[in-house]
């Protein structure tokens, strides 16, 4: 049974930091690209960051570039999202997602991912 479980969310003041983790089980983690997405109330789910199987390729939404860092540990089957300089507009439920790593994908679209975690809430107060 495949499971993706996010953790590390919480309440933080603007300018603060959080580190999200996503523990993955039930699949060959090193064969999968991983993504982080977020969804604020009343808004569509949006891309945050992605990382390919080897960790050598990463991509970020413009709104988080320079503040967020995605990384992965293929020995621990875990993907991370380090979030610094948080802003109130970063408030959302954050989801990790997995998809088989293949060439030619952008990894920034929700439809590219078939496996999703339940999400973890991040709230940034002003």
Foldseek 3Di string as FASTA:
>chain_A
DWAWAKDFADEEAAQAKIKMKIAIDDDQLLQKKKFKWWDDPPDDIFGAKIAHSVRPDMDGDPVQPPFWDWGDDSVRRMIMIIGGRDDQVVWTWMKMFIAGDDPPDPVGDPVRTDGIHPTDTHGYHD
